[in-house]
C-alpha atoms as a PDB file:
ATOM      1  CA  UNK A   1      -0.288  -0.117   0.014  1.00  0.00           C
ATOM      2  CA  UNK A   2       2.421   1.844   0.748  1.00  0.00           C
ATOM      3  CA  UNK A   3       4.292   2.111  -2.129  1.00  0.00           C
ATOM      4  CA  UNK A   4       1.671   2.789  -4.159  1.00  0.00           C
ATOM      5  CA  UNK A   5       0.987   5.972  -2.740  1.00  0.00           C
ATOM      6  CA  UNK A   6       4.868   5.825  -3.030  1.00  0.00           C
ATOM      7  CA  UNK A   7       6.083   5.051  -6.697  1.00  0.00           C
ATOM      8  CA  UNK A   8       3.691   7.230  -8.753  1.00  0.00           C
ATOM      9  CA  UNK A   9       3.971   6.440 -12.224  1.00  0.00           C
ATOM     10  CA  UNK A  10       3.661  10.234 -12.825  1.00  0.00           C
ATOM     11  CA  UNK A  11       6.759  11.770 -11.163  1.00  0.00           C
ATOM     12  CA  UNK A  12       9.477   9.019 -12.417  1.00  0.00           C
ATOM     13  CA  UNK A  13      11.274  10.365 -10.036  1.00  0.00           C
ATOM     14  CA  UNK A  14       9.258   8.473  -7.086  1.00  0.00           C
ATOM     15  CA  UNK A  15      10.530   5.580  -8.471  1.00  0.00           C
ATOM     16  CA  UNK A  16      14.479   5.442  -6.312  1.00  0.00           C
ATOM     17  CA  UNK A  17      13.230   7.137  -3.542  1.00  0.00           C
ATOM     18  CA  UNK A  18      11.757   4.230  -1.785  1.00  0.00           C
ATOM     19  CA  UNK A  19      12.939   0.553  -1.596  1.00  0.00           C
ATOM     20  CA  UNK A  20      11.131  -2.517  -3.330  1.00  0.00           C
ATOM     21  CA  UNK A  21      10.331  -2.640   0.349  1.00  0.00           C
ATOM     22  CA  UNK A  22       8.843   0.719   0.945  1.00  0.00           C
ATOM     23  CA  UNK A  23      11.292   1.428   3.045  1.00  0.00           C
ATOM     24  CA  UNK A  24      13.093   5.169   2.417  1.00  0.00           C
ATOM     25  CA  UNK A  25      16.807   5.161  -0.205  1.00  0.00           C
ATOM     26  CA  UNK A  26      19.117   6.410   2.543  1.00  0.00           C
ATOM     27  CA  UNK A  27      21.190   6.741  -0.627  1.00  0.00           C
ATOM     28  CA  UNK A  28      19.103   8.746  -3.072  1.00  0.00           C
ATOM     29  CA  UNK A  29      19.235  11.381  -0.818  1.00  0.00           C
ATOM     30  CA  UNK A  30      22.457  12.196  -0.123  1.00  0.00           C
ATOM     31  CA  UNK A  31      24.128  14.398  -2.470  1.00  0.00           C
ATOM     32  CA  UNK A  32      25.608  13.128  -6.072  1.00  0.00           C
ATOM     33  CA  UNK A  33      29.285  11.051  -6.619  1.00  0.00           C
ATOM     34  CA  UNK A  34      30.235  14.260  -8.354  1.00  0.00           C
ATOM     35  CA  UNK A  35      28.647  17.114  -6.645  1.00  0.00           C
ATOM     36  CA  UNK A  36      31.222  20.095  -5.956  1.00  0.00           C
ATOM     37  CA  UNK A  37      32.828  20.148  -2.094  1.00  0.00           C
ATOM     38  CA  UNK A  38      32.130  22.364  -0.406  1.00  0.00           C
ATOM     39  CA  UNK A  39      33.910  25.419  -0.103  1.00  0.00           C
ATOM     40  CA  UNK A  40      35.873  25.635   3.049  1.00  0.00           C
ATOM     41  CA  UNK A  41      35.485  29.405   5.362  1.00  0.00           C
ATOM     42  CA  UNK A  42      37.118  30.730   7.802  1.00  0.00           C
ATOM     43  CA  UNK A  43      36.063  33.826   9.614  1.00  0.00           C
ATOM     44  CA  UNK A  44      39.531  35.924  10.221  1.00  0.00           C
ATOM     45  CA  UNK A  45      40.588  39.154  10.710  1.00  0.00           C
ATOM     46  CA  UNK A  46      40.284  39.762   6.602  1.00  0.00           C
ATOM     47  CA  UNK A  47      37.242  38.863   6.888  1.00  0.00           C
ATOM     48  CA  UNK A  48      36.161  41.471  10.152  1.00  0.00           C
ATOM     49  CA  UNK A  49      37.755  43.945   8.279  1.00  0.00           C
ATOM     50  CA  UNK A  50      35.785  43.604   5.247  1.00  0.00           C
ATOM     51  CA  UNK A  51      32.240  43.519   7.281  1.00  0.00           C
ATOM     52  CA  UNK A  52      33.588  46.738   9.125  1.00  0.00           C
ATOM     53  CA  UNK A  53      33.887  48.196   5.828  1.00  0.00           C
ATOM     54  CA  UNK A  54      31.055  47.016   4.364  1.00  0.00           C
ATOM     55  CA  UNK A  55      29.006  48.477   7.824  1.00  0.00           C
ATOM     56  CA  UNK A  56      30.459  52.266   6.619  1.00  0.00           C
ATOM     57  CA  UNK A  57      30.230  51.941   2.875  1.00  0.00           C
ATOM     58  CA  UNK A  58      26.553  50.282   3.229  1.00  0.00           C
ATOM     59  CA  UNK A  59      25.311  50.313   7.004  1.00  0.00           C
ATOM     60  CA  UNK A  60      23.957  47.751   9.309  1.00  0.00           C
ATOM     61  CA  UNK A  61      21.104  45.826   7.373  1.00  0.00           C
ATOM     62  CA  UNK A  62      22.848  45.957   3.939  1.00  0.00           C
ATOM     63  CA  UNK A  63      24.414  42.327   4.514  1.00  0.00           C
ATOM     64  CA  UNK A  64      23.212  41.432   0.270  1.00  0.00           C
ATOM     65  CA  UNK A  65      25.346  44.128  -0.675  1.00  0.00           C
ATOM     66  CA  UNK A  66      28.145  43.528   1.723  1.00  0.00           C
ATOM     67  CA  UNK A  67      28.335  40.107   0.454  1.00  0.00           C
ATOM     68  CA  UNK A  68      27.674  40.150  -3.245  1.00  0.00           C
ATOM     69  CA  UNK A  69      30.805  43.048  -3.265  1.00  0.00           C
ATOM     70  CA  UNK A  70      33.333  41.969  -0.437  1.00  0.00           C
ATOM     71  CA  UNK A  71      32.436  38.773   0.867  1.00  0.00           C
ATOM     72  CA  UNK A  72      30.811  36.539  -1.722  1.00  0.00           C
ATOM     73  CA  UNK A  73      31.428  33.209   0.098  1.00  0.00           C
ATOM     74  CA  UNK A  74      29.274  34.639   3.201  1.00  0.00           C
ATOM     75  CA  UNK A  75      25.805  34.316   3.044  1.00  0.00           C
ATOM     76  CA  UNK A  76      23.608  37.575   3.647  1.00  0.00           C
ATOM     77  CA  UNK A  77      21.823  35.987   7.111  1.00  0.00           C
ATOM     78  CA  UNK A  78      25.623  34.827   7.830  1.00  0.00           C
ATOM     79  CA  UNK A  79      26.878  38.886   7.535  1.00  0.00           C
ATOM     80  CA  UNK A  80      24.360  39.207   9.891  1.00  0.00           C
ATOM     81  CA  UNK A  81      24.782  37.191  12.315  1.00  0.00           C
ATOM     82  CA  UNK A  82      28.774  38.187  12.137  1.00  0.00           C
ATOM     83  CA  UNK A  83      26.818  41.542  12.663  1.00  0.00           C
ATOM     84  CA  UNK A  84      25.428  41.022  16.179  1.00  0.00           C
ATOM     85  CA  UNK A  85      28.927  40.149  16.944  1.00  0.00           C
ATOM     86  CA  UNK A  86      30.491  43.101  16.514  1.00  0.00           C
ATOM     87  CA  UNK A  87      28.197  45.672  17.114  1.00  0.00           C
ATOM     88  CA  UNK A  88      27.105  43.632  20.451  1.00  0.00           C
ATOM     89  CA  UNK A  89      23.327  43.811  19.943  1.00  0.00           C
ATOM     90  CA  UNK A  90      21.463  40.425  19.414  1.00  0.00           C
ATOM     91  CA  UNK A  91      18.766  43.154  17.495  1.00  0.00           C
ATOM     92  CA  UNK A  92      20.162  45.386  14.829  1.00  0.00           C
ATOM     93  CA  UNK A  93      16.610  47.086  13.765  1.00  0.00           C
ATOM     94  CA  UNK A  94      17.596  50.403  15.494  1.00  0.00           C
ATOM     95  CA  UNK A  95      20.735  50.592  13.767  1.00  0.00           C
ATOM     96  CA  UNK A  96      18.559  49.726  10.272  1.00  0.00           C
ATOM     97  CA  UNK A  97      21.186  51.794   7.538  1.00  0.00           C
ATOM     98  CA  UNK A  98      23.550  53.086  10.668  1.00  0.00           C
ATOM     99  CA  UNK A  99      26.886  53.545   9.341  1.00  0.00           C
ATOM    100  CA  UNK A 100      29.613  53.973  11.421  1.00  0.00           C
ATOM    101  CA  UNK A 101      33.748  53.367  10.871  1.00  0.00           C
ATOM    102  CA  UNK A 102      35.394  51.122  12.783  1.00  0.00           C
ATOM    103  CA  UNK A 103      35.600  53.267  16.066  1.00  0.00           C
ATOM    104  CA  UNK A 104      32.608  53.760  16.053  1.00  0.00           C
ATOM    105  CA  UNK A 105      31.505  50.200  15.419  1.00  0.00           C
ATOM    106  CA  UNK A 106      33.544  49.943  18.236  1.00  0.00           C
ATOM    107  CA  UNK A 107      32.033  52.242  20.965  1.00  0.00           C
ATOM    108  CA  UNK A 108      28.566  51.038  19.798  1.00  0.00           C
ATOM    109  CA  UNK A 109      29.938  47.460  21.217  1.00  0.00           C
ATOM    110  CA  UNK A 110      31.480  48.226  24.367  1.00  0.00           C
ATOM    111  CA  UNK A 111      28.138  50.691  24.842  1.00  0.00           C
ATOM    112  CA  UNK A 112      26.180  47.690  24.716  1.00  0.00           C
ATOM    113  CA  UNK A 113      28.672  45.076  26.288  1.00  0.00           C
ATOM    114  CA  UNK A 114      28.326  48.162  29.429  1.00  0.00           C
ATOM    115  CA  UNK A 115      24.282  48.462  28.866  1.00  0.00           C
ATOM    116  CA  UNK A 116      24.512  44.413  28.845  1.00  0.00           C
ATOM    117  CA  UNK A 117      26.969  43.845  32.069  1.00  0.00           C
ATOM    118  CA  UNK A 118      24.955  46.580  34.240  1.00  0.00           C
ATOM    119  CA  UNK A 119      21.504  44.733  33.575  1.00  0.00           C
ATOM    120  CA  UNK A 120      22.555  41.183  33.360  1.00  0.00           C
ATOM    121  CA  UNK A 121      21.788  40.748  29.858  1.00  0.00           C
ATOM    122  CA  UNK A 122      24.887  40.337  27.939  1.00  0.00           C
ATOM    123  CA  UNK A 123      24.953  36.589  26.574  1.00  0.00           C
ATOM    124  CA  UNK A 124      27.040  34.631  24.323  1.00  0.00           C
ATOM    125  CA  UNK A 125      28.761  38.559  23.205  1.00  0.00           C
ATOM    126  CA  UNK A 126      25.583  40.427  22.739  1.00  0.00           C
ATOM    127  CA  UNK A 127      23.485  42.303  24.714  1.00  0.00           C
ATOM    128  CA  UNK A 128      20.302  40.775  24.525  1.00  0.00           C
ATOM    129  CA  UNK A 129      16.565  41.983  25.252  1.00  0.00           C
ATOM    130  CA  UNK A 130      14.803  41.604  27.908  1.00  0.00           C
ATOM    131  CA  UNK A 131      10.478  40.960  28.748  1.00  0.00           C
ATOM    132  CA  UNK A 132      10.953  43.701  31.316  1.00  0.00           C
ATOM    133  CA  UNK A 133      12.076  46.471  28.280  1.00  0.00           C
ATOM    134  CA  UNK A 134      14.921  47.908  30.965  1.00  0.00           C
ATOM    135  CA  UNK A 135      17.281  46.631  27.882  1.00  0.00           C
ATOM    136  CA  UNK A 136      14.638  49.287  25.283  1.00  0.00           C
ATOM    137  CA  UNK A 137      14.845  52.069  27.789  1.00  0.00           C
ATOM    138  CA  UNK A 138      18.851  51.913  28.564  1.00  0.00           C
ATOM    139  CA  UNK A 139      19.301  51.867  24.875  1.00  0.00           C
ATOM    140  CA  UNK A 140      16.824  54.914  24.340  1.00  0.00           C
ATOM    141  CA  UNK A 141      18.943  56.981  27.176  1.00  0.00           C
ATOM    142  CA  UNK A 142      21.912  55.708  26.223  1.00  0.00           C
ATOM    143  CA  UNK A 143      20.919  57.754  22.585  1.00  0.00           C
ATOM    144  CA  UNK A 144      19.654  60.476  24.374  1.00  0.00           C
ATOM    145  CA  UNK A 145      22.739  60.963  26.318  1.00  0.00           C
ATOM    146  CA  UNK A 146      25.321  60.318  23.107  1.00  0.00           C
ATOM    147  CA  UNK A 147      23.303  59.375  20.091  1.00  0.00           C
ATOM    148  CA  UNK A 148      25.218  56.274  17.930  1.00  0.00           C
END
């Protein structure tokens, strides 16, 4: 019965997915033998400098542009995750379109770290928002005193 629903004549590709006993053919789901090997990537100082250059040139949130022009082996989502660590803040929405040089990025990192350590919300190298809204209030107050 399982094969009747799994092996459908109108879909020839289903013939190899299920073996004769009706179980999944694990080899079918493996990459082809002639598939290109994945490119080994390492995040180092050179990549970080290019990300910082991209933040200065394009701004936070423009990770596709940074990927296409400076770091083609890294996806926009990879760069978003790396930017979280560079900026020291999990939520980058308040930085949308913000541009800054290396010194400005470092100031923002230190500011976020200070808030996180003060409120106990510095987790894994980034400021994490809390349910009570204390982090957002601290960010807004810090931005009033010294805008990013």
